[in-house]
Amino acid sequence: MEWVDDAIVLGARPFGEGKLVAEVFAREHGRYGGVVHAGRKSQPMLQSGNLVHAGWKARLSEQLGFYNPLELVEPHATRLLDDPAALAGLSSAVSLIRGATPERQAYPQLYDALIVLIEAMPQTEIWPALYTRFELGLLSALGYGLDLSRCAVTGQTENLAWVSPRTGRAATYEAGAPHADVLLRLPPFLLDAEAELKSGDVADAFALAGHFLERRVFEHKGEGVPESRRRLIERLGFAGRL
């Protein structure tokens, strides 16, 4: 069995003498692990977030397999070395892919969204909001998408301002106001990419996505949301970017 695909590096670890096991997220094949025989020489290429062109081969589909070829396309990780917040964002996004997606199942739209996010990270003022949209896209790709199309109470499509933490359905400001203490705030930019981004909107988006990531994905796996996500939120908060 073999395939060739573009892939995002998720990480690598030592494997025997002079070898590595690298994990990648391939566009048409999903999350795969494989042996890299030229381990030491390949370490700089196998930084999390880098884009590679990978060929994976194995005699049987259930085997670990190995990579050949494995070529660097874009050194995204290197370009973010001087931006600790962006590196934290990259680490968090990669950790979510590793922790939430099943092995060997393709998610091409999620792959494309991750590429868009990574490529936007040099743009300091843009990517934190885009990151939260990526998390909602992850939920949707896994079958846990929120229904933000209309109010669950009135059916209206305008003035949506809240989300039920139980159902993941939206509500208008008026319908949800009496229950504001138990509802999750829905920032306007999640509905309209052209909406003005106000102070606190990114924090509310993190809270919204985080609630459903924990309840619908990681709780079922018997795990918590990756610690790298908490560190990202802390770093953005200290920088006043929430």
C-alpha atoms as a PDB file:
ATOM      1  CA  MET A   1       0.000   0.000   0.000  1.00  0.00           C
ATOM      2  CA  GLU A   2       1.256   3.500  -0.752  1.00  0.00           C
ATOM      3  CA  TRP A   3       0.194   7.077  -1.302  1.00  0.00           C
ATOM      4  CA  VAL A   4       1.705  10.463  -2.147  1.00  0.00           C
ATOM      5  CA  ASP A   5       0.190  13.669  -0.807  1.00  0.00           C
ATOM      6  CA  ASP A   6       0.831  17.127   0.598  1.00  0.00           C
ATOM      7  CA  ALA A   7       0.858  17.053   4.392  1.00  0.00           C
ATOM      8  CA  ILE A   8       1.332  19.183   7.493  1.00  0.00           C
ATOM      9  CA  VAL A   9       3.861  17.871   9.997  1.00  0.00           C
ATOM     10  CA  LEU A  10       2.290  17.175  13.391  1.00  0.00           C
ATOM     11  CA  GLY A  11       5.442  16.037  15.180  1.00  0.00           C
ATOM     12  CA  ALA A  12       8.256  13.511  15.293  1.00  0.00           C
ATOM     13  CA  ARG A  13       9.943  11.293  17.903  1.00  0.00           C
ATOM     14  CA  PRO A  14      13.088   9.112  18.005  1.00  0.00           C
ATOM     15  CA  PHE A  15      12.704   5.549  16.773  1.00  0.00           C
ATOM     16  CA  GLY A  16      15.647   3.200  17.092  1.00  0.00           C
ATOM     17  CA  GLU A  17      19.125   4.209  16.015  1.00  0.00           C
ATOM     18  CA  GLY A  18      19.181   7.178  13.658  1.00  0.00           C
ATOM     19  CA  LYS A  19      15.483   6.990  12.805  1.00  0.00           C
ATOM     20  CA  LEU A  20      12.363   8.984  13.602  1.00  0.00           C
ATOM     21  CA  VAL A  21       8.654   8.312  13.563  1.00  0.00           C
ATOM     22  CA  ALA A  22       6.929  11.317  12.045  1.00  0.00           C
ATOM     23  CA  GLU A  23       3.223  12.031  12.205  1.00  0.00           C
ATOM     24  CA  VAL A  24       1.630  14.081   9.443  1.00  0.00           C
ATOM     25  CA  PHE A  25      -1.832  15.314   8.513  1.00  0.00           C
ATOM     26  CA  ALA A  26      -2.203  14.597   4.798  1.00  0.00           C
ATOM     27  CA  ARG A  27      -4.870  16.352   2.762  1.00  0.00           C
ATOM     28  CA  GLU A  28      -6.375  13.271   1.108  1.00  0.00           C
ATOM     29  CA  HIS A  29      -5.347  10.639   3.662  1.00  0.00           C
ATOM     30  CA  GLY A  30      -5.609  12.184   7.124  1.00  0.00           C
ATOM     31  CA  ARG A  31      -3.378  11.578  10.114  1.00  0.00           C
ATOM     32  CA  TYR A  32      -0.598   9.073   9.462  1.00  0.00           C
ATOM     33  CA  GLY A  33       2.569   7.946  11.216  1.00  0.00           C
ATOM     34  CA  GLY A  34       5.630   6.579   9.456  1.00  0.00           C
ATOM     35  CA  VAL A  35       9.331   5.925   9.840  1.00  0.00           C
ATOM     36  CA  VAL A  36      11.893   8.422   8.561  1.00  0.00           C
ATOM     37  CA  HIS A  37      15.162   6.591   7.988  1.00  0.00           C
ATOM     38  CA  ALA A  38      17.364   9.700   7.674  1.00  0.00           C
ATOM     39  CA  GLY A  39      16.176  10.874  11.084  1.00  0.00           C
ATOM     40  CA  ARG A  40      18.851  13.371  12.104  1.00  0.00           C
ATOM     41  CA  LYS A  41      19.067  14.980   8.693  1.00  0.00           C
ATOM     42  CA  SER A  42      15.293  15.314   8.562  1.00  0.00           C
ATOM     43  CA  GLN A  43      14.756  16.864  12.017  1.00  0.00           C
ATOM     44  CA  PRO A  44      14.700  20.515  10.835  1.00  0.00           C
ATOM     45  CA  MET A  45      12.107  19.619   8.206  1.00  0.00           C
ATOM     46  CA  LEU A  46       9.930  17.802  10.736  1.00  0.00           C
ATOM     47  CA  GLN A  47       9.049  20.815  12.868  1.00  0.00           C
ATOM     48  CA  SER A  48       5.330  20.917  13.657  1.00  0.00           C
ATOM     49  CA  GLY A  49       3.430  23.025  11.159  1.00  0.00           C
ATOM     50  CA  ASN A  50       5.808  22.636   8.232  1.00  0.00           C
ATOM     51  CA  LEU A  51       4.294  21.704   4.894  1.00  0.00           C
ATOM     52  CA  VAL A  52       5.852  18.661   3.228  1.00  0.00           C
ATOM     53  CA  HIS A  53       5.336  16.537   0.153  1.00  0.00           C
ATOM     54  CA  ALA A  54       5.211  12.989   1.467  1.00  0.00           C
ATOM     55  CA  GLY A  55       5.090   9.502   0.075  1.00  0.00           C
ATOM     56  CA  TRP A  56       3.998   6.753   2.507  1.00  0.00           C
ATOM     57  CA  LYS A  57       4.638   3.067   1.836  1.00  0.00           C
ATOM     58  CA  ALA A  58       3.967  -0.209   3.649  1.00  0.00           C
ATOM     59  CA  ARG A  59       3.634  -3.834   2.642  1.00  0.00           C
ATOM     60  CA  LEU A  60       0.353  -4.093   4.567  1.00  0.00           C
ATOM     61  CA  SER A  61      -2.057  -1.244   5.281  1.00  0.00           C
ATOM     62  CA  GLU A  62      -2.040  -1.877   9.052  1.00  0.00           C
ATOM     63  CA  GLN A  63       1.746  -1.543   9.320  1.00  0.00           C
ATOM     64  CA  LEU A  64       3.511   1.609  10.526  1.00  0.00           C
ATOM     65  CA  GLY A  65       5.078   2.166   7.104  1.00  0.00           C
ATOM     66  CA  PHE A  66       7.796   4.595   6.084  1.00  0.00           C
ATOM     67  CA  TYR A  67       8.116   7.865   4.164  1.00  0.00           C
ATOM     68  CA  ASN A  68       9.759   8.073   0.771  1.00  0.00           C
ATOM     69  CA  PRO A  69       9.926  10.705  -0.583  1.00  0.00           C
ATOM     70  CA  LEU A  70       9.682  13.332   2.164  1.00  0.00           C
ATOM     71  CA  GLU A  71      10.383  16.843   0.900  1.00  0.00           C
ATOM     72  CA  LEU A  72      10.003  20.236   2.538  1.00  0.00           C
ATOM     73  CA  VAL A  73       7.584  22.561   0.713  1.00  0.00           C
ATOM     74  CA  GLU A  74       7.065  25.456   3.180  1.00  0.00           C
ATOM     75  CA  PRO A  75       9.027  25.958   6.457  1.00  0.00           C
ATOM     76  CA  HIS A  76       6.120  27.546   8.320  1.00  0.00           C
ATOM     77  CA  ALA A  77       7.532  26.820  11.788  1.00  0.00           C
ATOM     78  CA  THR A  78      10.805  28.596  11.034  1.00  0.00           C
ATOM     79  CA  ARG A  79       8.992  31.717   9.870  1.00  0.00           C
ATOM     80  CA  LEU A  80       7.215  32.029  13.220  1.00  0.00           C
ATOM     81  CA  LEU A  81      10.254  31.648  15.476  1.00  0.00           C
ATOM     82  CA  ASP A  82      10.249  35.342  16.442  1.00  0.00           C
ATOM     83  CA  ASP A  83       6.542  35.355  17.367  1.00  0.00           C
ATOM     84  CA  PRO A  84       5.874  33.343  20.578  1.00  0.00           C
ATOM     85  CA  ALA A  85       2.109  33.873  20.345  1.00  0.00           C
ATOM     86  CA  ALA A  86       1.963  32.551  16.784  1.00  0.00           C
ATOM     87  CA  LEU A  87       4.101  29.552  17.771  1.00  0.00           C
ATOM     88  CA  ALA A  88       1.674  28.889  20.631  1.00  0.00           C
ATOM     89  CA  GLY A  89      -1.209  29.083  18.155  1.00  0.00           C
ATOM     90  CA  LEU A  90       0.514  26.657  15.822  1.00  0.00           C
ATOM     91  CA  SER A  91       1.205  24.252  18.695  1.00  0.00           C
ATOM     92  CA  SER A  92      -2.398  24.401  19.845  1.00  0.00           C
ATOM     93  CA  ALA A  93      -3.855  23.824  16.377  1.00  0.00           C
ATOM     94  CA  VAL A  94      -1.547  20.859  15.781  1.00  0.00           C
ATOM     95  CA  SER A  95      -2.401  19.392  19.190  1.00  0.00           C
ATOM     96  CA  LEU A  96      -6.121  19.615  18.421  1.00  0.00           C
ATOM     97  CA  ILE A  97      -5.648  17.774  15.124  1.00  0.00           C
ATOM     98  CA  ARG A  98      -3.582  15.088  16.841  1.00  0.00           C
ATOM     99  CA  GLY A  99      -6.004  14.690  19.727  1.00  0.00           C
ATOM    100  CA  ALA A 100      -9.347  14.994  17.949  1.00  0.00           C
ATOM    101  CA  THR A 101      -9.069  13.358  14.531  1.00  0.00           C
ATOM    102  CA  PRO A 102      -9.022   9.576  14.088  1.00  0.00           C
ATOM    103  CA  GLU A 103      -6.045   8.066  12.305  1.00  0.00           C
ATOM    104  CA  ARG A 104      -6.129   7.481   8.555  1.00  0.00           C
ATOM    105  CA  GLN A 105      -9.348   9.350   7.876  1.00  0.00           C
ATOM    106  CA  ALA A 106      -9.232  12.198   5.375  1.00  0.00           C
ATOM    107  CA  TYR A 107     -10.526  15.675   6.224  1.00  0.00           C
ATOM    108  CA  PRO A 108      -9.580  17.760   3.171  1.00  0.00           C
ATOM    109  CA  GLN A 109     -11.633  20.808   4.196  1.00  0.00           C
ATOM    110  CA  LEU A 110     -10.091  20.768   7.667  1.00  0.00           C
ATOM    111  CA  TYR A 111      -6.643  20.437   6.109  1.00  0.00           C
ATOM    112  CA  ASP A 112      -7.343  23.463   3.902  1.00  0.00           C
ATOM    113  CA  ALA A 113      -8.564  25.455   6.911  1.00  0.00           C
ATOM    114  CA  LEU A 114      -5.387  24.621   8.822  1.00  0.00           C
ATOM    115  CA  ILE A 115      -3.254  25.762   5.882  1.00  0.00           C
ATOM    116  CA  VAL A 116      -5.169  29.067   5.726  1.00  0.00           C
ATOM    117  CA  LEU A 117      -4.670  29.561   9.469  1.00  0.00           C
ATOM    118  CA  ILE A 118      -0.937  28.804   9.371  1.00  0.00           C
ATOM    119  CA  GLU A 119      -0.365  31.077   6.389  1.00  0.00           C
ATOM    120  CA  ALA A 120      -2.219  33.900   8.184  1.00  0.00           C
ATOM    121  CA  MET A 121      -0.149  33.680  11.375  1.00  0.00           C
ATOM    122  CA  PRO A 122       2.438  36.299  10.318  1.00  0.00           C
ATOM    123  CA  GLN A 123      -0.490  38.766  10.278  1.00  0.00           C
ATOM    124  CA  THR A 124      -0.601  39.512  13.991  1.00  0.00           C
ATOM    125  CA  GLU A 125      -3.985  41.219  14.166  1.00  0.00           C
ATOM    126  CA  ILE A 126      -5.846  38.702  12.047  1.00  0.00           C
ATOM    127  CA  TRP A 127      -5.006  35.161  13.050  1.00  0.00           C
ATOM    128  CA  PRO A 128      -6.421  34.906  16.635  1.00  0.00           C
ATOM    129  CA  ALA A 129      -9.964  35.413  15.328  1.00  0.00           C
ATOM    130  CA  LEU A 130      -9.267  33.090  12.418  1.00  0.00           C
ATOM    131  CA  TYR A 131      -7.976  30.508  14.880  1.00  0.00           C
ATOM    132  CA  THR A 132     -11.333  30.360  16.672  1.00  0.00           C
ATOM    133  CA  ARG A 133     -13.094  29.863  13.331  1.00  0.00           C
ATOM    134  CA  PHE A 134     -10.693  26.971  12.710  1.00  0.00           C
ATOM    135  CA  GLU A 135     -11.785  25.371  15.992  1.00  0.00           C
ATOM    136  CA  LEU A 136     -15.442  25.625  15.010  1.00  0.00           C
ATOM    137  CA  GLY A 137     -14.531  24.122  11.650  1.00  0.00           C
ATOM    138  CA  LEU A 138     -12.856  21.240  13.458  1.00  0.00           C
ATOM    139  CA  LEU A 139     -16.064  20.578  15.383  1.00  0.00           C
ATOM    140  CA  SER A 140     -18.049  20.630  12.155  1.00  0.00           C
ATOM    141  CA  ALA A 141     -15.634  18.275  10.371  1.00  0.00           C
ATOM    142  CA  LEU A 142     -15.982  15.772  13.210  1.00  0.00           C
ATOM    143  CA  GLY A 143     -19.768  15.898  13.035  1.00  0.00           C
ATOM    144  CA  TYR A 144     -20.290  18.180  16.036  1.00  0.00           C
ATOM    145  CA  GLY A 145     -20.954  21.445  14.216  1.00  0.00           C
ATOM    146  CA  LEU A 146     -23.023  24.180  15.847  1.00  0.00           C
ATOM    147  CA  ASP A 147     -26.264  25.426  14.303  1.00  0.00           C
ATOM    148  CA  LEU A 148     -25.725  29.167  13.976  1.00  0.00           C
ATOM    149  CA  SER A 149     -28.071  29.639  11.026  1.00  0.00           C
ATOM    150  CA  ARG A 150     -31.225  30.719  12.875  1.00  0.00           C
ATOM    151  CA  CYS A 151     -32.743  31.239  16.296  1.00  0.00           C
ATOM    152  CA  ALA A 152     -33.846  27.994  17.919  1.00  0.00           C
ATOM    153  CA  VAL A 153     -36.736  29.838  19.612  1.00  0.00           C
ATOM    154  CA  THR A 154     -38.096  32.221  16.961  1.00  0.00           C
ATOM    155  CA  GLY A 155     -36.599  30.948  13.719  1.00  0.00           C
ATOM    156  CA  GLN A 156     -35.189  34.394  12.953  1.00  0.00           C
ATOM    157  CA  THR A 157     -31.863  34.708  11.176  1.00  0.00           C
ATOM    158  CA  GLU A 158     -30.972  38.253  12.278  1.00  0.00           C
ATOM    159  CA  ASN A 159     -29.547  39.570  15.556  1.00  0.00           C
ATOM    160  CA  LEU A 160     -28.234  36.188  16.701  1.00  0.00           C
ATOM    161  CA  ALA A 161     -26.271  36.730  19.901  1.00  0.00           C
ATOM    162  CA  TRP A 162     -26.262  33.557  22.027  1.00  0.00           C
ATOM    163  CA  VAL A 163     -25.626  29.815  21.798  1.00  0.00           C
ATOM    164  CA  SER A 164     -27.134  27.132  24.017  1.00  0.00           C
ATOM    165  CA  PRO A 165     -24.353  25.212  25.808  1.00  0.00           C
ATOM    166  CA  ARG A 166     -26.528  22.106  25.666  1.00  0.00           C
ATOM    167  CA  THR A 167     -27.783  22.035  22.062  1.00  0.00           C
ATOM    168  CA  GLY A 168     -25.267  24.214  20.226  1.00  0.00           C
ATOM    169  CA  ARG A 169     -28.103  26.168  18.612  1.00  0.00           C
ATOM    170  CA  ALA A 170     -28.226  29.945  18.321  1.00  0.00           C
ATOM    171  CA  ALA A 171     -30.724  32.423  19.761  1.00  0.00           C
ATOM    172  CA  THR A 172     -31.452  36.079  19.103  1.00  0.00           C
ATOM    173  CA  TYR A 173     -30.452  38.683  21.637  1.00  0.00           C
ATOM    174  CA  GLU A 174     -34.069  39.214  22.733  1.00  0.00           C
ATOM    175  CA  ALA A 175     -34.905  35.504  23.014  1.00  0.00           C
ATOM    176  CA  GLY A 176     -31.781  34.698  24.976  1.00  0.00           C
ATOM    177  CA  ALA A 177     -31.502  37.769  27.194  1.00  0.00           C
ATOM    178  CA  PRO A 178     -33.591  36.310  30.062  1.00  0.00           C
ATOM    179  CA  HIS A 179     -31.189  33.347  30.184  1.00  0.00           C
ATOM    180  CA  ALA A 180     -27.950  35.244  29.551  1.00  0.00           C
ATOM    181  CA  ASP A 181     -26.329  33.828  32.674  1.00  0.00           C
ATOM    182  CA  VAL A 182     -26.373  30.278  31.284  1.00  0.00           C
ATOM    183  CA  LEU A 183     -25.906  30.942  27.551  1.00  0.00           C
ATOM    184  CA  LEU A 184     -22.662  31.331  25.610  1.00  0.00           C
ATOM    185  CA  ARG A 185     -22.102  34.623  23.824  1.00  0.00           C
ATOM    186  CA  LEU A 186     -21.959  34.476  20.013  1.00  0.00           C
ATOM    187  CA  PRO A 187     -19.499  37.085  18.664  1.00  0.00           C
ATOM    188  CA  PRO A 188     -20.721  38.740  15.433  1.00  0.00           C
ATOM    189  CA  PHE A 189     -17.517  37.951  13.518  1.00  0.00           C
ATOM    190  CA  LEU A 190     -18.311  34.232  13.664  1.00  0.00           C
ATOM    191  CA  LEU A 191     -21.417  34.926  11.585  1.00  0.00           C
ATOM    192  CA  ASP A 192     -20.073  37.696   9.363  1.00  0.00           C
ATOM    193  CA  ALA A 193     -16.411  37.856   8.382  1.00  0.00           C
ATOM    194  CA  GLU A 194     -16.834  41.581   7.681  1.00  0.00           C
ATOM    195  CA  ALA A 195     -18.181  42.376  11.156  1.00  0.00           C
ATOM    196  CA  GLU A 196     -16.144  44.708  13.335  1.00  0.00           C
ATOM    197  CA  LEU A 197     -13.979  42.851  15.819  1.00  0.00           C
ATOM    198  CA  LYS A 198     -14.499  44.300  19.298  1.00  0.00           C
ATOM    199  CA  SER A 199     -12.614  43.803  22.547  1.00  0.00           C
ATOM    200  CA  GLY A 200     -13.650  40.529  24.144  1.00  0.00           C
ATOM    201  CA  ASP A 201     -14.957  38.957  20.942  1.00  0.00           C
ATOM    202  CA  VAL A 202     -12.016  36.601  20.513  1.00  0.00           C
ATOM    203  CA  ALA A 203     -12.226  35.568  24.178  1.00  0.00           C
ATOM    204  CA  ASP A 204     -15.939  34.805  23.737  1.00  0.00           C
ATOM    205  CA  ALA A 205     -15.186  32.782  20.611  1.00  0.00           C
ATOM    206  CA  PHE A 206     -12.537  30.786  22.494  1.00  0.00           C
ATOM    207  CA  ALA A 207     -15.049  30.130  25.279  1.00  0.00           C
ATOM    208  CA  LEU A 208     -17.694  29.015  22.787  1.00  0.00           C
ATOM    209  CA  ALA A 209     -15.460  26.653  20.837  1.00  0.00           C
ATOM    210  CA  GLY A 210     -13.727  25.391  23.976  1.00  0.00           C
ATOM    211  CA  HIS A 211     -16.986  24.413  25.627  1.00  0.00           C
ATOM    212  CA  PHE A 212     -18.000  22.167  22.739  1.00  0.00           C
ATOM    213  CA  LEU A 213     -14.509  20.813  22.124  1.00  0.00           C
ATOM    214  CA  GLU A 214     -14.444  19.643  25.719  1.00  0.00           C
ATOM    215  CA  ARG A 215     -18.013  18.332  25.919  1.00  0.00           C
ATOM    216  CA  ARG A 216     -18.379  16.792  22.470  1.00  0.00           C
ATOM    217  CA  VAL A 217     -14.872  15.643  21.584  1.00  0.00           C
ATOM    218  CA  PHE A 218     -12.352  15.275  24.378  1.00  0.00           C
ATOM    219  CA  GLU A 219     -14.710  14.266  27.182  1.00  0.00           C
ATOM    220  CA  HIS A 220     -15.848  11.295  25.090  1.00  0.00           C
ATOM    221  CA  LYS A 221     -12.214  10.297  24.614  1.00  0.00           C
ATOM    222  CA  GLY A 222     -11.594  10.424  28.358  1.00  0.00           C
ATOM    223  CA  GLU A 223      -9.160  13.295  27.895  1.00  0.00           C
ATOM    224  CA  GLY A 224      -9.008  16.996  28.533  1.00  0.00           C
ATOM    225  CA  VAL A 225      -8.582  19.671  25.888  1.00  0.00           C
ATOM    226  CA  PRO A 226      -4.831  19.894  25.086  1.00  0.00           C
ATOM    227  CA  GLU A 227      -2.842  21.998  27.533  1.00  0.00           C
ATOM    228  CA  SER A 228      -1.295  23.880  24.621  1.00  0.00           C
ATOM    229  CA  ARG A 229      -4.671  25.502  23.986  1.00  0.00           C
ATOM    230  CA  ARG A 230      -4.811  26.920  27.514  1.00  0.00           C
ATOM    231  CA  ARG A 231      -1.279  28.278  27.127  1.00  0.00           C
ATOM    232  CA  LEU A 232      -2.281  29.956  23.863  1.00  0.00           C
ATOM    233  CA  ILE A 233      -5.232  31.711  25.490  1.00  0.00           C
ATOM    234  CA  GLU A 234      -3.044  32.846  28.387  1.00  0.00           C
ATOM    235  CA  ARG A 235      -0.425  34.256  26.021  1.00  0.00           C
ATOM    236  CA  LEU A 236      -3.016  36.114  23.960  1.00  0.00           C
ATOM    237  CA  GLY A 237      -4.600  37.440  27.133  1.00  0.00           C
ATOM    238  CA  PHE A 238      -1.298  38.785  28.452  1.00  0.00           C
ATOM    239  CA  ALA A 239      -0.744  40.468  25.092  1.00  0.00           C
ATOM    240  CA  GLY A 240      -4.198  42.111  25.199  1.00  0.00           C
ATOM    241  CA  ARG A 241      -5.333  40.336  22.035  1.00  0.00           C
ATOM    242  CA  LEU A 242      -8.533  38.735  23.286  1.00  0.00           C
END
